[in-house]
N, C-alpha and C. Protein backbone atom coordinates (compact mmCIF):
# COMPACT_ATOMS: atom_id res chain seq x y z
N MET A 1 -100.53 45.42 132.12
CA MET A 1 -101.05 44.66 130.95
C MET A 1 -102.17 45.50 130.31
N THR A 2 -102.10 45.61 128.99
CA THR A 2 -103.09 46.41 128.23
C THR A 2 -103.81 45.52 127.25
N LEU A 3 -104.86 46.06 126.75
CA LEU A 3 -105.66 45.33 125.72
C LEU A 3 -105.29 45.93 124.38
N ASP A 4 -104.74 45.12 123.51
CA ASP A 4 -104.32 45.65 122.19
C ASP A 4 -105.47 45.62 121.18
N PHE A 5 -105.29 46.33 120.12
CA PHE A 5 -106.31 46.43 119.10
C PHE A 5 -106.61 45.07 118.44
N ASP A 6 -105.59 44.27 118.22
CA ASP A 6 -105.78 42.95 117.59
C ASP A 6 -106.68 42.09 118.44
N SER A 7 -106.54 42.10 119.75
CA SER A 7 -107.42 41.34 120.64
C SER A 7 -108.87 41.88 120.54
N ALA A 8 -108.99 43.16 120.52
CA ALA A 8 -110.34 43.78 120.38
C ALA A 8 -110.94 43.37 119.06
N ARG A 9 -110.17 43.43 117.98
CA ARG A 9 -110.69 43.06 116.66
C ARG A 9 -111.19 41.62 116.65
N ARG A 10 -110.40 40.71 117.28
CA ARG A 10 -110.84 39.29 117.33
C ARG A 10 -112.17 39.11 118.09
N LEU A 11 -112.28 39.81 119.21
CA LEU A 11 -113.55 39.75 120.01
C LEU A 11 -114.72 40.23 119.16
N VAL A 12 -114.55 41.35 118.47
CA VAL A 12 -115.61 41.88 117.63
C VAL A 12 -115.93 40.97 116.49
N ASP A 13 -114.90 40.42 115.84
CA ASP A 13 -115.16 39.48 114.74
C ASP A 13 -115.88 38.26 115.19
N ASP A 14 -115.50 37.73 116.37
CA ASP A 14 -116.21 36.55 116.86
C ASP A 14 -117.66 36.84 117.24
N ALA A 15 -117.89 38.02 117.82
CA ALA A 15 -119.30 38.42 118.15
C ALA A 15 -120.13 38.60 116.87
N ARG A 16 -119.53 39.23 115.87
CA ARG A 16 -120.22 39.47 114.60
C ARG A 16 -120.61 38.11 113.99
N ARG A 17 -119.65 37.14 113.99
CA ARG A 17 -119.96 35.83 113.43
C ARG A 17 -121.11 35.17 114.20
N LEU A 18 -121.13 35.23 115.51
CA LEU A 18 -122.23 34.68 116.26
C LEU A 18 -123.54 35.39 116.02
N GLY A 19 -123.49 36.71 115.82
CA GLY A 19 -124.70 37.49 115.50
C GLY A 19 -125.27 37.05 114.16
N ILE A 20 -124.44 36.84 113.16
CA ILE A 20 -124.87 36.38 111.89
C ILE A 20 -125.51 35.00 111.98
N GLU A 21 -124.90 34.10 112.79
CA GLU A 21 -125.46 32.79 112.97
C GLU A 21 -126.84 32.87 113.61
N LEU A 22 -127.10 33.84 114.49
CA LEU A 22 -128.39 33.97 115.17
C LEU A 22 -129.36 34.83 114.31
N GLY A 23 -128.84 35.43 113.24
CA GLY A 23 -129.68 36.35 112.41
C GLY A 23 -129.94 37.67 113.11
N LYS A 24 -128.96 38.10 113.92
CA LYS A 24 -129.07 39.35 114.68
C LYS A 24 -128.04 40.37 114.22
N ALA A 25 -128.50 41.62 114.01
CA ALA A 25 -127.58 42.71 113.70
C ALA A 25 -127.20 43.34 115.03
N LEU A 26 -125.88 43.24 115.38
CA LEU A 26 -125.41 43.63 116.68
C LEU A 26 -124.49 44.86 116.56
N SER A 27 -124.28 45.48 117.72
CA SER A 27 -123.18 46.39 117.91
C SER A 27 -122.33 45.80 118.99
N ILE A 28 -121.04 45.91 118.80
CA ILE A 28 -120.04 45.36 119.77
C ILE A 28 -119.08 46.46 120.12
N ALA A 29 -118.78 46.60 121.40
CA ALA A 29 -117.79 47.58 121.86
C ALA A 29 -116.77 46.94 122.71
N VAL A 30 -115.54 47.34 122.54
CA VAL A 30 -114.42 46.87 123.42
C VAL A 30 -113.74 48.12 123.96
N VAL A 31 -113.51 48.11 125.28
CA VAL A 31 -112.76 49.23 125.91
C VAL A 31 -111.55 48.74 126.67
N ASP A 32 -110.65 49.65 126.99
CA ASP A 32 -109.49 49.26 127.80
C ASP A 32 -109.89 49.31 129.29
N TYR A 33 -108.90 49.09 130.19
CA TYR A 33 -109.17 49.02 131.61
C TYR A 33 -109.77 50.28 132.19
N GLY A 34 -109.48 51.42 131.55
CA GLY A 34 -110.03 52.72 132.01
C GLY A 34 -111.37 53.06 131.37
N GLY A 35 -111.86 52.17 130.51
CA GLY A 35 -113.17 52.40 129.92
C GLY A 35 -113.10 53.19 128.62
N PHE A 36 -111.87 53.40 128.12
CA PHE A 36 -111.74 54.14 126.85
C PHE A 36 -111.90 53.23 125.65
N ALA A 37 -112.64 53.68 124.62
CA ALA A 37 -112.95 52.81 123.48
C ALA A 37 -111.70 52.42 122.76
N VAL A 38 -111.62 51.10 122.49
CA VAL A 38 -110.58 50.53 121.63
C VAL A 38 -111.21 50.30 120.23
N LEU A 39 -112.46 49.79 120.25
CA LEU A 39 -113.18 49.46 119.00
C LEU A 39 -114.65 49.38 119.25
N VAL A 40 -115.43 50.01 118.38
CA VAL A 40 -116.85 49.95 118.41
C VAL A 40 -117.32 49.66 116.97
N GLU A 41 -118.18 48.62 116.81
CA GLU A 41 -118.61 48.30 115.50
C GLU A 41 -120.13 48.05 115.50
N ARG A 42 -120.81 48.61 114.52
CA ARG A 42 -122.22 48.45 114.34
C ARG A 42 -122.46 47.70 113.01
N MET A 43 -123.01 46.47 113.16
CA MET A 43 -123.28 45.68 111.98
C MET A 43 -124.38 46.35 111.17
N ASP A 44 -124.33 46.10 109.84
CA ASP A 44 -125.42 46.57 108.99
C ASP A 44 -126.76 46.17 109.55
N GLY A 45 -127.67 47.10 109.68
CA GLY A 45 -129.03 46.78 110.16
C GLY A 45 -129.20 46.86 111.64
N ALA A 46 -128.14 47.05 112.40
CA ALA A 46 -128.26 47.17 113.84
C ALA A 46 -128.99 48.49 114.14
N ARG A 47 -129.83 48.42 115.19
CA ARG A 47 -130.62 49.58 115.56
C ARG A 47 -129.67 50.74 115.99
N PRO A 48 -130.12 51.96 115.74
CA PRO A 48 -129.23 53.14 115.97
C PRO A 48 -128.66 53.27 117.38
N MET A 49 -129.41 52.90 118.41
CA MET A 49 -128.96 53.03 119.81
C MET A 49 -127.95 51.99 120.24
N THR A 50 -127.86 50.88 119.50
CA THR A 50 -127.07 49.74 120.00
C THR A 50 -125.60 50.05 120.19
N PRO A 51 -124.93 50.91 119.35
CA PRO A 51 -123.55 51.18 119.66
C PRO A 51 -123.34 51.83 121.01
N SER A 52 -124.23 52.80 121.32
CA SER A 52 -124.11 53.48 122.62
C SER A 52 -124.39 52.52 123.79
N ILE A 53 -125.34 51.60 123.62
CA ILE A 53 -125.67 50.60 124.66
C ILE A 53 -124.47 49.65 124.83
N ALA A 54 -123.95 49.18 123.72
CA ALA A 54 -122.80 48.26 123.81
C ALA A 54 -121.56 48.93 124.45
N LEU A 55 -121.36 50.22 124.19
CA LEU A 55 -120.29 50.97 124.78
C LEU A 55 -120.53 51.10 126.30
N SER A 56 -121.72 51.39 126.71
CA SER A 56 -122.05 51.50 128.12
C SER A 56 -121.84 50.20 128.84
N LYS A 57 -122.21 49.08 128.22
CA LYS A 57 -122.01 47.77 128.78
C LYS A 57 -120.52 47.47 128.94
N ALA A 58 -119.73 47.74 127.92
CA ALA A 58 -118.32 47.47 127.99
C ALA A 58 -117.63 48.35 129.02
N TYR A 59 -118.00 49.65 129.05
CA TYR A 59 -117.46 50.59 130.00
C TYR A 59 -117.78 50.16 131.44
N SER A 60 -119.01 49.77 131.70
CA SER A 60 -119.46 49.34 133.00
C SER A 60 -118.66 48.12 133.47
N ALA A 61 -118.50 47.15 132.54
CA ALA A 61 -117.78 45.93 132.92
C ALA A 61 -116.32 46.22 133.23
N ALA A 62 -115.72 47.15 132.52
CA ALA A 62 -114.31 47.49 132.76
C ALA A 62 -114.13 48.26 134.07
N VAL A 63 -114.86 49.37 134.25
CA VAL A 63 -114.58 50.23 135.42
C VAL A 63 -115.17 49.69 136.72
N MET A 64 -116.23 48.91 136.64
CA MET A 64 -116.79 48.28 137.84
C MET A 64 -116.12 46.93 138.12
N GLN A 65 -115.32 46.44 137.21
CA GLN A 65 -114.51 45.25 137.33
C GLN A 65 -115.35 43.98 137.63
N ARG A 66 -116.51 43.95 137.07
CA ARG A 66 -117.41 42.78 137.10
C ARG A 66 -118.25 42.74 135.87
N PRO A 67 -118.62 41.59 135.42
CA PRO A 67 -119.61 41.49 134.32
C PRO A 67 -120.87 42.28 134.76
N THR A 68 -121.51 42.87 133.77
CA THR A 68 -122.62 43.79 134.10
C THR A 68 -123.81 43.09 134.76
N TYR A 69 -124.06 41.86 134.46
CA TYR A 69 -125.14 41.13 135.10
C TYR A 69 -124.92 41.08 136.64
N MET A 70 -123.68 41.07 137.07
CA MET A 70 -123.40 41.04 138.50
C MET A 70 -123.72 42.33 139.22
N LEU A 71 -123.95 43.43 138.48
CA LEU A 71 -124.30 44.66 139.10
C LEU A 71 -125.79 44.81 139.42
N GLU A 72 -126.59 43.83 138.92
CA GLU A 72 -128.04 43.93 139.14
C GLU A 72 -128.45 43.94 140.61
N ASN A 73 -127.78 43.14 141.41
CA ASN A 73 -128.15 43.13 142.85
C ASN A 73 -127.79 44.43 143.53
N TRP A 74 -126.67 45.05 143.11
CA TRP A 74 -126.32 46.36 143.68
C TRP A 74 -127.37 47.38 143.34
N ARG A 75 -127.79 47.38 142.05
CA ARG A 75 -128.86 48.32 141.62
C ARG A 75 -130.09 48.12 142.42
N GLU A 76 -130.47 46.88 142.68
CA GLU A 76 -131.71 46.60 143.41
C GLU A 76 -131.58 46.94 144.88
N SER A 77 -130.40 46.69 145.48
CA SER A 77 -130.24 46.85 146.93
C SER A 77 -130.01 48.35 147.29
N ASP A 78 -129.50 49.17 146.40
CA ASP A 78 -129.24 50.55 146.69
C ASP A 78 -129.49 51.41 145.45
N PRO A 79 -130.74 51.50 145.00
CA PRO A 79 -131.03 52.16 143.72
C PRO A 79 -130.62 53.64 143.65
N VAL A 80 -130.75 54.34 144.75
CA VAL A 80 -130.44 55.76 144.70
C VAL A 80 -128.95 55.96 144.49
N PHE A 81 -128.13 55.26 145.28
CA PHE A 81 -126.69 55.37 145.13
C PHE A 81 -126.23 54.86 143.76
N PHE A 82 -126.83 53.71 143.31
CA PHE A 82 -126.46 53.17 142.00
C PHE A 82 -126.73 54.21 140.91
N THR A 83 -127.90 54.84 140.94
CA THR A 83 -128.25 55.84 139.97
C THR A 83 -127.25 56.99 139.94
N GLN A 84 -126.83 57.45 141.15
CA GLN A 84 -125.89 58.57 141.23
C GLN A 84 -124.50 58.14 140.68
N VAL A 85 -124.03 57.01 141.08
CA VAL A 85 -122.71 56.49 140.59
C VAL A 85 -122.81 56.28 139.06
N GLY A 86 -123.93 55.77 138.64
CA GLY A 86 -124.11 55.48 137.21
C GLY A 86 -124.01 56.67 136.28
N ARG A 87 -124.11 57.88 136.80
CA ARG A 87 -123.99 59.10 136.01
C ARG A 87 -122.62 59.72 136.11
N MET A 88 -121.74 59.24 136.93
CA MET A 88 -120.50 59.91 137.16
C MET A 88 -119.40 59.81 136.10
N GLY A 89 -119.32 58.70 135.37
CA GLY A 89 -118.24 58.50 134.48
C GLY A 89 -118.47 59.03 133.08
N GLN A 90 -117.66 58.53 132.18
CA GLN A 90 -117.74 58.92 130.74
C GLN A 90 -119.04 58.40 130.07
N HIS A 91 -119.49 57.25 130.56
CA HIS A 91 -120.67 56.58 130.05
C HIS A 91 -121.55 56.13 131.22
N PRO A 92 -122.81 55.91 131.00
CA PRO A 92 -123.65 55.39 132.04
C PRO A 92 -123.17 54.02 132.53
N ILE A 93 -123.30 53.76 133.81
CA ILE A 93 -123.02 52.43 134.37
C ILE A 93 -124.39 51.68 134.21
N VAL A 94 -124.34 50.49 133.60
CA VAL A 94 -125.58 49.75 133.43
C VAL A 94 -125.48 48.43 134.11
N ALA A 95 -126.60 47.94 134.62
CA ALA A 95 -126.66 46.63 135.31
C ALA A 95 -127.61 45.80 134.51
N THR A 96 -127.06 45.05 133.54
CA THR A 96 -127.85 44.30 132.63
C THR A 96 -126.97 43.22 132.05
N MET A 97 -127.58 42.40 131.22
CA MET A 97 -126.77 41.33 130.53
C MET A 97 -126.12 41.90 129.32
N GLY A 98 -124.98 41.29 128.96
CA GLY A 98 -124.28 41.66 127.71
C GLY A 98 -123.01 42.41 127.84
N GLY A 99 -122.53 42.67 129.07
CA GLY A 99 -121.24 43.30 129.26
C GLY A 99 -120.35 42.38 130.07
N TYR A 100 -119.09 42.29 129.67
CA TYR A 100 -118.18 41.33 130.37
C TYR A 100 -116.83 41.96 130.56
N THR A 101 -116.30 41.82 131.76
CA THR A 101 -114.99 42.29 132.10
C THR A 101 -113.94 41.39 131.46
N LEU A 102 -112.90 42.04 130.90
CA LEU A 102 -111.77 41.28 130.34
C LEU A 102 -110.66 41.26 131.34
N LYS A 103 -110.38 40.02 131.83
CA LYS A 103 -109.37 39.81 132.86
C LYS A 103 -108.43 38.73 132.40
N ARG A 104 -107.11 39.06 132.49
CA ARG A 104 -106.09 38.08 132.12
C ARG A 104 -105.02 38.05 133.24
N ASP A 105 -104.70 36.87 133.68
CA ASP A 105 -103.71 36.67 134.77
C ASP A 105 -104.06 37.55 135.98
N GLY A 106 -105.35 37.59 136.25
CA GLY A 106 -105.84 38.31 137.41
C GLY A 106 -105.91 39.84 137.28
N VAL A 107 -105.52 40.37 136.10
CA VAL A 107 -105.51 41.78 135.86
C VAL A 107 -106.64 42.20 134.97
N ILE A 108 -107.39 43.24 135.35
CA ILE A 108 -108.45 43.74 134.49
C ILE A 108 -107.79 44.54 133.31
N VAL A 109 -108.07 44.11 132.11
CA VAL A 109 -107.50 44.81 130.94
C VAL A 109 -108.55 45.52 130.09
N GLY A 110 -109.85 45.36 130.42
CA GLY A 110 -110.85 46.02 129.59
C GLY A 110 -112.23 45.43 129.90
N GLY A 111 -113.07 45.74 128.91
CA GLY A 111 -114.46 45.25 128.94
C GLY A 111 -115.01 45.10 127.50
N VAL A 112 -116.01 44.31 127.35
CA VAL A 112 -116.65 44.14 126.04
C VAL A 112 -118.16 44.16 126.26
N GLY A 113 -118.86 44.80 125.32
CA GLY A 113 -120.31 44.90 125.39
C GLY A 113 -120.97 44.51 124.08
N VAL A 114 -122.08 43.83 124.17
CA VAL A 114 -122.79 43.40 122.98
C VAL A 114 -124.26 43.88 123.13
N SER A 115 -124.81 44.46 122.08
CA SER A 115 -126.22 44.92 122.09
C SER A 115 -126.83 44.67 120.75
N GLY A 116 -128.08 44.24 120.74
CA GLY A 116 -128.78 44.08 119.50
C GLY A 116 -129.65 42.81 119.49
N GLY A 117 -129.27 41.83 120.37
CA GLY A 117 -130.11 40.66 120.52
C GLY A 117 -131.03 40.84 121.78
N SER A 118 -131.65 39.78 122.18
CA SER A 118 -132.35 39.81 123.45
C SER A 118 -131.28 39.88 124.57
N PRO A 119 -131.68 40.23 125.79
CA PRO A 119 -130.68 40.20 126.89
C PRO A 119 -129.95 38.87 126.97
N SER A 120 -130.67 37.77 126.92
CA SER A 120 -130.02 36.46 127.02
C SER A 120 -129.12 36.18 125.82
N GLU A 121 -129.49 36.62 124.67
CA GLU A 121 -128.60 36.42 123.46
C GLU A 121 -127.37 37.22 123.59
N ASP A 122 -127.50 38.50 123.98
CA ASP A 122 -126.31 39.33 124.19
C ASP A 122 -125.36 38.66 125.23
N GLN A 123 -125.93 38.12 126.32
CA GLN A 123 -125.15 37.52 127.37
C GLN A 123 -124.45 36.25 126.84
N ARG A 124 -125.17 35.40 126.11
CA ARG A 124 -124.53 34.15 125.60
C ARG A 124 -123.36 34.50 124.64
N ILE A 125 -123.57 35.52 123.83
CA ILE A 125 -122.51 35.90 122.85
C ILE A 125 -121.33 36.43 123.63
N VAL A 126 -121.51 37.35 124.57
CA VAL A 126 -120.37 37.92 125.22
C VAL A 126 -119.63 36.87 126.07
N GLU A 127 -120.36 35.96 126.71
CA GLU A 127 -119.68 34.93 127.47
C GLU A 127 -118.86 34.03 126.57
N GLN A 128 -119.40 33.71 125.41
CA GLN A 128 -118.69 32.78 124.55
C GLN A 128 -117.44 33.44 123.97
N ILE A 129 -117.50 34.69 123.51
CA ILE A 129 -116.36 35.30 122.93
C ILE A 129 -115.22 35.50 123.96
N VAL A 130 -115.64 35.84 125.18
CA VAL A 130 -114.66 36.05 126.26
C VAL A 130 -113.96 34.75 126.61
N ALA A 131 -114.77 33.70 126.76
CA ALA A 131 -114.16 32.36 127.09
C ALA A 131 -113.28 31.86 125.92
N ASP A 132 -113.79 31.97 124.67
CA ASP A 132 -113.05 31.49 123.55
C ASP A 132 -111.71 32.25 123.39
N ALA A 133 -111.67 33.51 123.79
CA ALA A 133 -110.43 34.31 123.67
C ALA A 133 -109.49 34.03 124.80
N GLY A 134 -109.87 33.24 125.78
CA GLY A 134 -109.00 32.87 126.86
C GLY A 134 -108.92 33.81 128.05
N PHE A 135 -109.88 34.75 128.10
CA PHE A 135 -109.94 35.58 129.26
C PHE A 135 -110.53 34.85 130.45
N GLN A 136 -110.19 35.27 131.67
CA GLN A 136 -110.75 34.64 132.83
C GLN A 136 -112.21 34.98 133.02
N THR A 137 -112.97 34.09 133.56
CA THR A 137 -114.39 34.29 133.73
C THR A 137 -114.83 34.20 135.19
N ASP A 138 -113.89 34.14 136.10
CA ASP A 138 -114.25 34.04 137.50
C ASP A 138 -114.15 35.40 138.16
N PHE A 139 -115.19 35.81 138.88
CA PHE A 139 -115.27 37.07 139.55
C PHE A 139 -115.93 36.87 140.87
N PRO A 140 -115.37 37.48 141.94
CA PRO A 140 -116.04 37.34 143.27
C PRO A 140 -117.35 38.09 143.20
N ALA A 141 -118.29 37.67 144.08
CA ALA A 141 -119.60 38.34 144.12
C ALA A 141 -119.39 39.76 144.56
N TRP A 142 -120.29 40.61 144.08
CA TRP A 142 -120.22 42.04 144.40
C TRP A 142 -120.55 42.21 145.90
N ALA A 143 -119.83 43.02 146.58
CA ALA A 143 -120.09 43.28 148.01
C ALA A 143 -121.55 43.74 148.18
N GLY A 144 -122.18 43.18 149.16
CA GLY A 144 -123.59 43.50 149.42
C GLY A 144 -124.57 42.91 148.41
N ALA A 145 -124.10 41.89 147.68
CA ALA A 145 -124.94 41.36 146.57
C ALA A 145 -126.08 40.53 147.13
N THR A 146 -126.01 40.09 148.35
CA THR A 146 -127.12 39.35 148.92
C THR A 146 -127.88 40.19 149.93
N LYS A 147 -129.17 40.07 149.86
CA LYS A 147 -129.99 40.85 150.80
C LYS A 147 -130.17 40.04 152.07
N GLY A 148 -130.06 40.68 153.22
CA GLY A 148 -130.12 39.94 154.47
C GLY A 148 -131.27 40.32 155.31
């Protein structure tokens, strides 16, 4: 199962609409399951770094197969390893809010990232567009996510 351009376009359009409602200029990125860009859009007025940040969020969510907020415990529990792995791919792996894995019928098909609002605004937007598009939102906890 792949992520087609029309699905990416709808996600970006929905995120843009929510950004306008919040009065935020966003960048939104959608990648396929391998982390390759399908669509990256920077709204008028969005800060210059936001497209790169959105792309890193989308990439991280796709290749790590978890929403990016779920990676925060891994980063905290093993920061040296996380930093090394975070530099290995096409884009940095980030553990923050605003990136969400796109999963349909149990299969990872891509990721989406939003940047330009506060962390909680980016997260609310990405969660809403993913749920509204009918993607699955259930993910098992990351291995080692709890400190013992």
